Amino acid sequence: MADYYTPAQLAVKLGISEARIAELESKGVLDAKLKNGKLFFSSRQAHDLHVALRLARKQRVSLERALERVEEMHLCQAIGC
C-alpha cells in the first residue's frame, strides 16, 4: 500500500468519484495534506475509507455515518472497550 494517495489515485483505488472525495474533504470528514502544492491522503485514511465504504453498503447507512463508526472503532481499540 502506498504511503500517500492523490485524490485521483484514491478515487481509482476505491472506485468512487474524485468529486465524492472532494466533498468528504470539504466537509472535514477526510483530512488532505498539502505537499508540493498537491493534496494527498494517507494510507490510513485510504484504509478507513475503504472499510467505511464496505460498511455503508452492508449496513445501508451514509458514508459519513460509516466513517464515524470506523473512527469509533479506532477510539475503542485505543482505550480498550
PDB file of N, CA and C in Angstrom:
ATOM      1  N   MET A   1       0.844  -1.174   0.000  1.00  0.00           N
ATOM      2  CA  MET A   1       0.000   0.000   0.000  1.00  0.00           C
ATOM      3  C   MET A   1       0.892   1.241   0.000  1.00  0.00           C
ATOM      4  N   ALA A   2       0.551   2.195  -0.789  1.00  0.00           N
ATOM      5  CA  ALA A   2       1.321   3.433  -0.861  1.00  0.00           C
ATOM      6  C   ALA A   2       1.195   4.208   0.454  1.00  0.00           C
ATOM      7  N   ASP A   3       2.167   5.069   0.723  1.00  0.00           N
ATOM      8  CA  ASP A   3       2.100   5.893   1.927  1.00  0.00           C
ATOM      9  C   ASP A   3       1.077   7.009   1.795  1.00  0.00           C
ATOM     10  N   TYR A   4       0.980   7.562   0.584  1.00  0.00           N
ATOM     11  CA  TYR A   4       0.050   8.662   0.331  1.00  0.00           C
ATOM     12  C   TYR A   4      -0.605   8.487  -1.024  1.00  0.00           C
ATOM     13  N   TYR A   5      -1.831   8.989  -1.135  1.00  0.00           N
ATOM     14  CA  TYR A   5      -2.594   8.914  -2.380  1.00  0.00           C
ATOM     15  C   TYR A   5      -3.083  10.299  -2.771  1.00  0.00           C
ATOM     16  N   THR A   6      -2.998  10.590  -4.052  1.00  0.00           N
ATOM     17  CA  THR A   6      -3.649  11.804  -4.555  1.00  0.00           C
ATOM     18  C   THR A   6      -5.148  11.518  -4.608  1.00  0.00           C
ATOM     19  N   PRO A   7      -5.971  12.546  -4.700  1.00  0.00           N
ATOM     20  CA  PRO A   7      -7.410  12.291  -4.826  1.00  0.00           C
ATOM     21  C   PRO A   7      -7.743  11.384  -6.014  1.00  0.00           C
ATOM     22  N   ALA A   8      -7.054  11.566  -7.128  1.00  0.00           N
ATOM     23  CA  ALA A   8      -7.304  10.732  -8.307  1.00  0.00           C
ATOM     24  C   ALA A   8      -6.932   9.276  -8.039  1.00  0.00           C
ATOM     25  N   GLN A   9      -5.788   9.039  -7.411  1.00  0.00           N
ATOM     26  CA  GLN A   9      -5.367   7.682  -7.096  1.00  0.00           C
ATOM     27  C   GLN A   9      -6.327   7.014  -6.122  1.00  0.00           C
ATOM     28  N   LEU A  10      -6.769   7.777  -5.131  1.00  0.00           N
ATOM     29  CA  LEU A  10      -7.702   7.247  -4.142  1.00  0.00           C
ATOM     30  C   LEU A  10      -9.038   6.907  -4.786  1.00  0.00           C
ATOM     31  N   ALA A  11      -9.495   7.757  -5.684  1.00  0.00           N
ATOM     32  CA  ALA A  11     -10.759   7.508  -6.384  1.00  0.00           C
ATOM     33  C   ALA A  11     -10.687   6.216  -7.183  1.00  0.00           C
ATOM     34  N   VAL A  12      -9.603   6.019  -7.900  1.00  0.00           N
ATOM     35  CA  VAL A  12      -9.438   4.798  -8.703  1.00  0.00           C
ATOM     36  C   VAL A  12      -9.351   3.582  -7.788  1.00  0.00           C
ATOM     37  N   LYS A  13      -8.556   3.677  -6.750  1.00  0.00           N
ATOM     38  CA  LYS A  13      -8.359   2.554  -5.835  1.00  0.00           C
ATOM     39  C   LYS A  13      -9.670   2.104  -5.198  1.00  0.00           C
ATOM     40  N   LEU A  14     -10.530   3.069  -4.836  1.00  0.00           N
ATOM     41  CA  LEU A  14     -11.753   2.741  -4.110  1.00  0.00           C
ATOM     42  C   LEU A  14     -13.001   2.688  -4.982  1.00  0.00           C
ATOM     43  N   GLY A  15     -12.859   3.074  -6.233  1.00  0.00           N
ATOM     44  CA  GLY A  15     -13.999   3.013  -7.138  1.00  0.00           C
ATOM     45  C   GLY A  15     -15.074   4.051  -6.850  1.00  0.00           C
ATOM     46  N   ILE A  16     -14.644   5.218  -6.384  1.00  0.00           N
ATOM     47  CA  ILE A  16     -15.579   6.325  -6.176  1.00  0.00           C
ATOM     48  C   ILE A  16     -15.075   7.531  -6.951  1.00  0.00           C
ATOM     49  N   SER A  17     -15.894   8.533  -7.076  1.00  0.00           N
ATOM     50  CA  SER A  17     -15.501   9.694  -7.877  1.00  0.00           C
ATOM     51  C   SER A  17     -14.596  10.642  -7.093  1.00  0.00           C
ATOM     52  N   GLU A  18     -13.794  11.370  -7.821  1.00  0.00           N
ATOM     53  CA  GLU A  18     -12.968  12.408  -7.203  1.00  0.00           C
ATOM     54  C   GLU A  18     -13.849  13.476  -6.572  1.00  0.00           C
ATOM     55  N   ALA A  19     -15.014  13.718  -7.177  1.00  0.00           N
ATOM     56  CA  ALA A  19     -15.944  14.713  -6.631  1.00  0.00           C
ATOM     57  C   ALA A  19     -16.419  14.291  -5.246  1.00  0.00           C
ATOM     58  N   ARG A  20     -16.672  13.001  -5.067  1.00  0.00           N
ATOM     59  CA  ARG A  20     -17.116  12.497  -3.756  1.00  0.00           C
ATOM     60  C   ARG A  20     -15.999  12.649  -2.733  1.00  0.00           C
ATOM     61  N   ILE A  21     -14.771  12.383  -3.135  1.00  0.00           N
ATOM     62  CA  ILE A  21     -13.628  12.567  -2.243  1.00  0.00           C
ATOM     63  C   ILE A  21     -13.497  14.041  -1.867  1.00  0.00           C
ATOM     64  N   ALA A  22     -13.629  14.912  -2.852  1.00  0.00           N
ATOM     65  CA  ALA A  22     -13.554  16.354  -2.583  1.00  0.00           C
ATOM     66  C   ALA A  22     -14.668  16.792  -1.642  1.00  0.00           C
ATOM     67  N   GLU A  23     -15.847  16.233  -1.822  1.00  0.00           N
ATOM     68  CA  GLU A  23     -16.980  16.559  -0.953  1.00  0.00           C
ATOM     69  C   GLU A  23     -16.682  16.146   0.496  1.00  0.00           C
ATOM     70  N   LEU A  24     -16.156  14.942   0.681  1.00  0.00           N
ATOM     71  CA  LEU A  24     -15.817  14.469   2.022  1.00  0.00           C
ATOM     72  C   LEU A  24     -14.711  15.315   2.643  1.00  0.00           C
ATOM     73  N   GLU A  25     -13.771  15.734   1.823  1.00  0.00           N
ATOM     74  CA  GLU A  25     -12.682  16.581   2.314  1.00  0.00           C
ATOM     75  C   GLU A  25     -13.205  17.955   2.706  1.00  0.00           C
ATOM     76  N   SER A  26     -14.117  18.507   1.908  1.00  0.00           N
ATOM     77  CA  SER A  26     -14.655  19.835   2.212  1.00  0.00           C
ATOM     78  C   SER A  26     -15.530  19.824   3.460  1.00  0.00           C
ATOM     79  N   LYS A  27     -16.151  18.677   3.758  1.00  0.00           N
ATOM     80  CA  LYS A  27     -16.964  18.537   4.968  1.00  0.00           C
ATOM     81  C   LYS A  27     -16.099  18.278   6.201  1.00  0.00           C
ATOM     82  N   GLY A  28     -14.813  18.042   5.990  1.00  0.00           N
ATOM     83  CA  GLY A  28     -13.911  17.768   7.100  1.00  0.00           C
ATOM     84  C   GLY A  28     -13.886  16.311   7.519  1.00  0.00           C
ATOM     85  N   VAL A  29     -14.531  15.453   6.744  1.00  0.00           N
ATOM     86  CA  VAL A  29     -14.555  14.025   7.056  1.00  0.00           C
ATOM     87  C   VAL A  29     -13.207  13.403   6.718  1.00  0.00           C
ATOM     88  N   LEU A  30     -12.607  13.828   5.637  1.00  0.00           N
ATOM     89  CA  LEU A  30     -11.252  13.426   5.266  1.00  0.00           C
ATOM     90  C   LEU A  30     -10.345  14.626   5.435  1.00  0.00           C
ATOM     91  N   ASP A  31      -9.091  14.373   5.769  1.00  0.00           N
ATOM     92  CA  ASP A  31      -8.144  15.454   6.019  1.00  0.00           C
ATOM     93  C   ASP A  31      -6.949  15.329   5.078  1.00  0.00           C
ATOM     94  N   ALA A  32      -7.014  16.032   3.964  1.00  0.00           N
ATOM     95  CA  ALA A  32      -5.921  16.000   2.994  1.00  0.00           C
ATOM     96  C   ALA A  32      -4.753  16.843   3.490  1.00  0.00           C
ATOM     97  N   LYS A  33      -3.577  16.403   3.152  1.00  0.00           N
ATOM     98  CA  LYS A  33      -2.355  17.154   3.466  1.00  0.00           C
ATOM     99  C   LYS A  33      -1.827  17.765   2.171  1.00  0.00           C
ATOM    100  N   LEU A  34      -1.318  18.958   2.263  1.00  0.00           N
ATOM    101  CA  LEU A  34      -0.766  19.651   1.106  1.00  0.00           C
ATOM    102  C   LEU A  34       0.746  19.459   1.082  1.00  0.00           C
ATOM    103  N   LYS A  35       1.245  18.857  -0.009  1.00  0.00           N
ATOM    104  CA  LYS A  35       2.682  18.652  -0.195  1.00  0.00           C
ATOM    105  C   LYS A  35       3.035  19.082  -1.607  1.00  0.00           C
ATOM    106  N   ASN A  36       3.973  19.988  -1.714  1.00  0.00           N
ATOM    107  CA  ASN A  36       4.428  20.477  -3.017  1.00  0.00           C
ATOM    108  C   ASN A  36       3.270  20.968  -3.885  1.00  0.00           C
ATOM    109  N   GLY A  37       2.302  21.598  -3.258  1.00  0.00           N
ATOM    110  CA  GLY A  37       1.174  22.161  -3.987  1.00  0.00           C
ATOM    111  C   GLY A  37       0.101  21.165  -4.392  1.00  0.00           C
ATOM    112  N   LYS A  38       0.204  19.911  -3.938  1.00  0.00           N
ATOM    113  CA  LYS A  38      -0.782  18.882  -4.277  1.00  0.00           C
ATOM    114  C   LYS A  38      -1.390  18.312  -3.002  1.00  0.00           C
ATOM    115  N   LEU A  39      -2.649  17.892  -3.113  1.00  0.00           N
ATOM    116  CA  LEU A  39      -3.326  17.263  -1.987  1.00  0.00           C
ATOM    117  C   LEU A  39      -3.017  15.775  -1.946  1.00  0.00           C
ATOM    118  N   PHE A  40      -2.828  15.262  -0.737  1.00  0.00           N
ATOM    119  CA  PHE A  40      -2.571  13.844  -0.531  1.00  0.00           C
ATOM    120  C   PHE A  40      -3.357  13.345   0.678  1.00  0.00           C
ATOM    121  N   PHE A  41      -3.750  12.065   0.597  1.00  0.00           N
ATOM    122  CA  PHE A  41      -4.403  11.389   1.700  1.00  0.00           C
ATOM    123  C   PHE A  41      -3.504  10.249   2.149  1.00  0.00           C
ATOM    124  N   SER A  42      -3.467  10.018   3.458  1.00  0.00           N
ATOM    125  CA  SER A  42      -2.603   8.970   3.995  1.00  0.00           C
ATOM    126  C   SER A  42      -3.159   7.582   3.696  1.00  0.00           C
ATOM    127  N   SER A  43      -2.300   6.589   3.816  1.00  0.00           N
ATOM    128  CA  SER A  43      -2.739   5.208   3.618  1.00  0.00           C
ATOM    129  C   SER A  43      -3.753   4.810   4.688  1.00  0.00           C
ATOM    130  N   ARG A  44      -3.636   5.382   5.865  1.00  0.00           N
ATOM    131  CA  ARG A  44      -4.634   5.111   6.921  1.00  0.00           C
ATOM    132  C   ARG A  44      -5.995   5.638   6.516  1.00  0.00           C
ATOM    133  N   GLN A  45      -6.034   6.849   5.966  1.00  0.00           N
ATOM    134  CA  GLN A  45      -7.309   7.397   5.503  1.00  0.00           C
ATOM    135  C   GLN A  45      -7.874   6.556   4.364  1.00  0.00           C
ATOM    136  N   ALA A  46      -7.003   6.088   3.486  1.00  0.00           N
ATOM    137  CA  ALA A  46      -7.449   5.239   2.382  1.00  0.00           C
ATOM    138  C   ALA A  46      -8.049   3.945   2.923  1.00  0.00           C
ATOM    139  N   HIS A  47      -7.386   3.352   3.893  1.00  0.00           N
ATOM    140  CA  HIS A  47      -7.887   2.124   4.502  1.00  0.00           C
ATOM    141  C   HIS A  47      -9.223   2.374   5.206  1.00  0.00           C
ATOM    142  N   ASP A  48      -9.290   3.427   6.000  1.00  0.00           N
ATOM    143  CA  ASP A  48     -10.525   3.742   6.726  1.00  0.00           C
ATOM    144  C   ASP A  48     -11.681   4.018   5.771  1.00  0.00           C
ATOM    145  N   LEU A  49     -11.404   4.714   4.691  1.00  0.00           N
ATOM    146  CA  LEU A  49     -12.449   5.000   3.709  1.00  0.00           C
ATOM    147  C   LEU A  49     -12.906   3.711   3.030  1.00  0.00           C
ATOM    148  N   HIS A  50     -11.978   2.818   2.743  1.00  0.00           N
ATOM    149  CA  HIS A  50     -12.325   1.521   2.151  1.00  0.00           C
ATOM    150  C   HIS A  50     -13.244   0.731   3.093  1.00  0.00           C
ATOM    151  N   VAL A  51     -12.881   0.674   4.368  1.00  0.00           N
ATOM    152  CA  VAL A  51     -13.700  -0.029   5.362  1.00  0.00           C
ATOM    153  C   VAL A  51     -15.067   0.642   5.470  1.00  0.00           C
ATOM    154  N   ALA A  52     -15.100   1.958   5.494  1.00  0.00           N
ATOM    155  CA  ALA A  52     -16.360   2.692   5.611  1.00  0.00           C
ATOM    156  C   ALA A  52     -17.265   2.464   4.397  1.00  0.00           C
ATOM    157  N   LEU A  53     -16.682   2.416   3.219  1.00  0.00           N
ATOM    158  CA  LEU A  53     -17.483   2.149   2.018  1.00  0.00           C
ATOM    159  C   LEU A  53     -18.153   0.782   2.112  1.00  0.00           C
ATOM    160  N   ARG A  54     -17.408  -0.217   2.551  1.00  0.00           N
ATOM    161  CA  ARG A  54     -17.981  -1.561   2.703  1.00  0.00           C
ATOM    162  C   ARG A  54     -19.060  -1.575   3.781  1.00  0.00           C
ATOM    163  N   LEU A  55     -18.795  -0.894   4.888  1.00  0.00           N
ATOM    164  CA  LEU A  55     -19.753  -0.819   5.988  1.00  0.00           C
ATOM    165  C   LEU A  55     -21.030  -0.097   5.566  1.00  0.00           C
ATOM    166  N   ALA A  56     -20.876   0.992   4.836  1.00  0.00           N
ATOM    167  CA  ALA A  56     -22.034   1.771   4.376  1.00  0.00           C
ATOM    168  C   ALA A  56     -22.921   0.934   3.467  1.00  0.00           C
ATOM    169  N   ARG A  57     -22.300   0.179   2.587  1.00  0.00           N
ATOM    170  CA  ARG A  57     -23.076  -0.673   1.670  1.00  0.00           C
ATOM    171  C   ARG A  57     -23.759  -1.808   2.421  1.00  0.00           C
ATOM    172  N   LYS A  58     -23.025  -2.424   3.334  1.00  0.00           N
ATOM    173  CA  LYS A  58     -23.551  -3.574   4.056  1.00  0.00           C
ATOM    174  C   LYS A  58     -24.680  -3.177   5.011  1.00  0.00           C
ATOM    175  N   GLN A  59     -24.489  -2.081   5.734  1.00  0.00           N
ATOM    176  CA  GLN A  59     -25.476  -1.670   6.738  1.00  0.00           C
ATOM    177  C   GLN A  59     -26.475  -0.636   6.220  1.00  0.00           C
ATOM    178  N   ARG A  60     -26.288  -0.256   4.966  1.00  0.00           N
ATOM    179  CA  ARG A  60     -27.178   0.722   4.330  1.00  0.00           C
ATOM    180  C   ARG A  60     -27.291   2.013   5.140  1.00  0.00           C
ATOM    181  N   VAL A  61     -26.111   2.560   5.456  1.00  0.00           N
ATOM    182  CA  VAL A  61     -26.026   3.855   6.128  1.00  0.00           C
ATOM    183  C   VAL A  61     -25.228   4.793   5.238  1.00  0.00           C
ATOM    184  N   SER A  62     -25.255   6.066   5.563  1.00  0.00           N
ATOM    185  CA  SER A  62     -24.493   7.034   4.773  1.00  0.00           C
ATOM    186  C   SER A  62     -23.003   6.792   4.956  1.00  0.00           C
ATOM    187  N   LEU A  63     -22.241   7.216   3.988  1.00  0.00           N
ATOM    188  CA  LEU A  63     -20.796   7.068   4.069  1.00  0.00           C
ATOM    189  C   LEU A  63     -20.243   7.860   5.249  1.00  0.00           C
ATOM    190  N   GLU A  64     -20.809   9.032   5.495  1.00  0.00           N
ATOM    191  CA  GLU A  64     -20.362   9.842   6.623  1.00  0.00           C
ATOM    192  C   GLU A  64     -20.579   9.091   7.944  1.00  0.00           C
ATOM    193  N   ARG A  65     -21.744   8.457   8.092  1.00  0.00           N
ATOM    194  CA  ARG A  65     -22.034   7.692   9.315  1.00  0.00           C
ATOM    195  C   ARG A  65     -21.093   6.488   9.421  1.00  0.00           C
ATOM    196  N   ALA A  66     -20.831   5.838   8.322  1.00  0.00           N
ATOM    197  CA  ALA A  66     -19.914   4.698   8.334  1.00  0.00           C
ATOM    198  C   ALA A  66     -18.505   5.143   8.737  1.00  0.00           C
ATOM    199  N   LEU A  67     -18.072   6.298   8.257  1.00  0.00           N
ATOM    200  CA  LEU A  67     -16.757   6.816   8.648  1.00  0.00           C
ATOM    201  C   LEU A  67     -16.729   7.134  10.139  1.00  0.00           C
ATOM    202  N   GLU A  68     -17.833   7.634  10.688  1.00  0.00           N
ATOM    203  CA  GLU A  68     -17.924   7.878  12.127  1.00  0.00           C
ATOM    204  C   GLU A  68     -17.760   6.576  12.894  1.00  0.00           C
ATOM    205  N   ARG A  69     -18.402   5.518  12.405  1.00  0.00           N
ATOM    206  CA  ARG A  69     -18.298   4.216  13.071  1.00  0.00           C
ATOM    207  C   ARG A  69     -16.882   3.664  13.020  1.00  0.00           C
ATOM    208  N   VAL A  70     -16.205   3.868  11.904  1.00  0.00           N
ATOM    209  CA  VAL A  70     -14.808   3.424  11.791  1.00  0.00           C
ATOM    210  C   VAL A  70     -13.955   4.180  12.811  1.00  0.00           C
ATOM    211  N   GLU A  71     -14.173   5.467  12.932  1.00  0.00           N
ATOM    212  CA  GLU A  71     -13.437   6.268  13.912  1.00  0.00           C
ATOM    213  C   GLU A  71     -13.750   5.803  15.332  1.00  0.00           C
ATOM    214  N   GLU A  72     -15.005   5.474  15.609  1.00  0.00           N
ATOM    215  CA  GLU A  72     -15.388   4.954  16.922  1.00  0.00           C
ATOM    216  C   GLU A  72     -14.649   3.653  17.216  1.00  0.00           C
ATOM    217  N   MET A  73     -14.496   2.796  16.194  1.00  0.00           N
ATOM    218  CA  MET A  73     -13.763   1.547  16.375  1.00  0.00           C
ATOM    219  C   MET A  73     -12.305   1.814  16.742  1.00  0.00           C
ATOM    220  N   HIS A  74     -11.692   2.815  16.097  1.00  0.00           N
ATOM    221  CA  HIS A  74     -10.304   3.167  16.406  1.00  0.00           C
ATOM    222  C   HIS A  74     -10.192   3.653  17.849  1.00  0.00           C
ATOM    223  N   LEU A  75     -11.132   4.493  18.260  1.00  0.00           N
ATOM    224  CA  LEU A  75     -11.101   5.011  19.630  1.00  0.00           C
ATOM    225  C   LEU A  75     -11.300   3.891  20.639  1.00  0.00           C
ATOM    226  N   CYS A  76     -12.209   2.994  20.330  1.00  0.00           N
ATOM    227  CA  CYS A  76     -12.482   1.877  21.227  1.00  0.00           C
ATOM    228  C   CYS A  76     -11.249   0.981  21.364  1.00  0.00           C
ATOM    229  N   GLN A  77     -10.556   0.744  20.264  1.00  0.00           N
ATOM    230  CA  GLN A  77      -9.335  -0.059  20.326  1.00  0.00           C
ATOM    231  C   GLN A  77      -8.271   0.633  21.157  1.00  0.00           C
ATOM    232  N   ALA A  78      -8.206   1.956  21.048  1.00  0.00           N
ATOM    233  CA  ALA A  78      -7.188   2.715  21.765  1.00  0.00           C
ATOM    234  C   ALA A  78      -7.404   2.704  23.274  1.00  0.00           C
ATOM    235  N   ILE A  79      -8.678   2.736  23.695  1.00  0.00           N
ATOM    236  CA  ILE A  79      -8.947   2.794  25.131  1.00  0.00           C
ATOM    237  C   ILE A  79      -9.365   1.450  25.709  1.00  0.00           C
ATOM    238  N   GLY A  80      -9.521   0.457  24.852  1.00  0.00           N
ATOM    239  CA  GLY A  80      -9.833  -0.897  25.308  1.00  0.00           C
ATOM    240  C   GLY A  80     -11.277  -1.124  25.687  1.00  0.00           C
ATOM    241  N   CYS A  81     -12.175  -0.817  24.795  1.00  0.00           N
ATOM    242  CA  CYS A  81     -13.609  -1.050  25.056  1.00  0.00           C
ATOM    243  C   CYS A  81     -13.925  -2.526  25.122  1.00  0.00           C
TER     244      CYS A  81
END
